[in-house]
Structures are given as structure tokens and as C-alpha cells.
């Protein structure tokens, strides 16, 4: 999760906010979306593991 956040922050610094979909800036936007997606998927995985542990204890 830390690597996903670091990738997101790094790519946010690489985006040209005046024209975000041109050149290297478009790659940075794709990187932001990819790392944000990875973070959300890892968060969902952690939450599902917690729920599974609580159900197992019952």
C-alpha cells in the first residue's frame, strides 16, 4: 500500500496541469489511476481479510 501511495504521489508531481493529456503527462495520469486502483484493491483485500477473521472467530 505504501508503494502504491508513493507511486501515486510521484506521478501527481509529473503531471502538467495546464495540459494533462499530452506527452509524458498522459503517462503520469495513467500512472496515477493505476496506483490509485492498486491502493483501493489492496484496501478491499485487507478489509475482506478482517471480515473473514471475525467470522472465523464466531
C-alpha atoms as a PDB file:
ATOM      1  CA  UNK A   1       0.000   0.000   0.000  1.00  0.00           C
ATOM      2  CA  UNK A   2       2.905   2.296   0.727  1.00  0.00           C
ATOM      3  CA  UNK A   3       4.358   1.690  -2.729  1.00  0.00           C
ATOM      4  CA  UNK A   4       1.002   2.418  -4.347  1.00  0.00           C
ATOM      5  CA  UNK A   5       0.739   5.703  -2.462  1.00  0.00           C
ATOM      6  CA  UNK A   6       4.328   6.601  -3.319  1.00  0.00           C
ATOM      7  CA  UNK A   7       3.677   5.883  -6.996  1.00  0.00           C
ATOM      8  CA  UNK A   8       0.553   7.990  -6.929  1.00  0.00           C
ATOM      9  CA  UNK A   9       2.297  10.932  -5.295  1.00  0.00           C
ATOM     10  CA  UNK A  10       5.266  10.710  -7.645  1.00  0.00           C
ATOM     11  CA  UNK A  11       3.047  10.626 -10.718  1.00  0.00           C
ATOM     12  CA  UNK A  12       0.985  13.540  -9.434  1.00  0.00           C
ATOM     13  CA  UNK A  13       4.161  15.624  -9.401  1.00  0.00           C
ATOM     14  CA  UNK A  14       4.862  14.670 -13.027  1.00  0.00           C
ATOM     15  CA  UNK A  15       1.501  15.828 -14.411  1.00  0.00           C
ATOM     16  CA  UNK A  16       1.474  19.051 -16.412  1.00  0.00           C
ATOM     17  CA  UNK A  17      -1.755  20.538 -15.058  1.00  0.00           C
ATOM     18  CA  UNK A  18      -2.062  23.026 -17.940  1.00  0.00           C
ATOM     19  CA  UNK A  19      -2.424  20.163 -20.457  1.00  0.00           C
ATOM     20  CA  UNK A  20      -2.613  16.813 -18.630  1.00  0.00           C
ATOM     21  CA  UNK A  21      -3.280  14.575 -21.641  1.00  0.00           C
ATOM     22  CA  UNK A  22      -0.278  15.432 -23.824  1.00  0.00           C
ATOM     23  CA  UNK A  23       3.128  13.738 -23.892  1.00  0.00           C
ATOM     24  CA  UNK A  24       4.675  12.416 -20.704  1.00  0.00           C
ATOM     25  CA  UNK A  25       1.895  13.973 -18.700  1.00  0.00           C
ATOM     26  CA  UNK A  26      -0.599  11.464 -20.081  1.00  0.00           C
ATOM     27  CA  UNK A  27       1.639   8.634 -18.900  1.00  0.00           C
ATOM     28  CA  UNK A  28       1.693  10.232 -15.448  1.00  0.00           C
ATOM     29  CA  UNK A  29      -2.120  10.450 -15.420  1.00  0.00           C
ATOM     30  CA  UNK A  30      -2.331   6.753 -16.308  1.00  0.00           C
ATOM     31  CA  UNK A  31       0.193   6.015 -13.539  1.00  0.00           C
ATOM     32  CA  UNK A  32      -1.909   7.941 -11.022  1.00  0.00           C
ATOM     33  CA  UNK A  33      -5.017   5.992 -11.981  1.00  0.00           C
ATOM     34  CA  UNK A  34      -3.163   2.671 -11.887  1.00  0.00           C
ATOM     35  CA  UNK A  35      -1.595   3.277  -8.484  1.00  0.00           C
ATOM     36  CA  UNK A  36      -4.883   4.571  -7.067  1.00  0.00           C
ATOM     37  CA  UNK A  37      -6.600   1.424  -8.337  1.00  0.00           C
ATOM     38  CA  UNK A  38      -3.904  -0.759  -6.780  1.00  0.00           C
ATOM     39  CA  UNK A  39      -4.321   1.057  -3.469  1.00  0.00           C
ATOM     40  CA  UNK A  40      -8.093   0.553  -3.495  1.00  0.00           C
ATOM     41  CA  UNK A  41      -7.759  -3.128  -4.377  1.00  0.00           C
ATOM     42  CA  UNK A  42      -5.288  -3.662  -1.548  1.00  0.00           C
ATOM     43  CA  UNK A  43      -7.609  -1.832   0.840  1.00  0.00           C
ATOM     44  CA  UNK A  44     -10.508  -4.072  -0.177  1.00  0.00           C
ATOM     45  CA  UNK A  45      -8.294  -7.129   0.313  1.00  0.00           C
ATOM     46  CA  UNK A  46      -7.312  -6.029   3.814  1.00  0.00           C
ATOM     47  CA  UNK A  47     -10.930  -5.364   4.778  1.00  0.00           C
ATOM     48  CA  UNK A  48     -12.098  -8.718   3.438  1.00  0.00           C
ATOM     49  CA  UNK A  49      -9.339 -10.494   5.411  1.00  0.00           C
ATOM     50  CA  UNK A  50     -10.504  -8.737   8.601  1.00  0.00           C
ATOM     51  CA  UNK A  51     -14.107  -9.767   7.971  1.00  0.00           C
ATOM     52  CA  UNK A  52     -13.033 -13.348   7.315  1.00  0.00           C
ATOM     53  CA  UNK A  53     -11.081 -13.436  10.590  1.00  0.00           C
ATOM     54  CA  UNK A  54     -14.050 -12.083  12.556  1.00  0.00           C
ATOM     55  CA  UNK A  55     -16.379 -14.648  11.002  1.00  0.00           C
ATOM     56  CA  UNK A  56     -13.895 -17.411  11.729  1.00  0.00           C
ATOM     57  CA  UNK A  57     -13.780 -16.474  15.432  1.00  0.00           C
ATOM     58  CA  UNK A  58     -17.551 -16.900  15.752  1.00  0.00           C
END
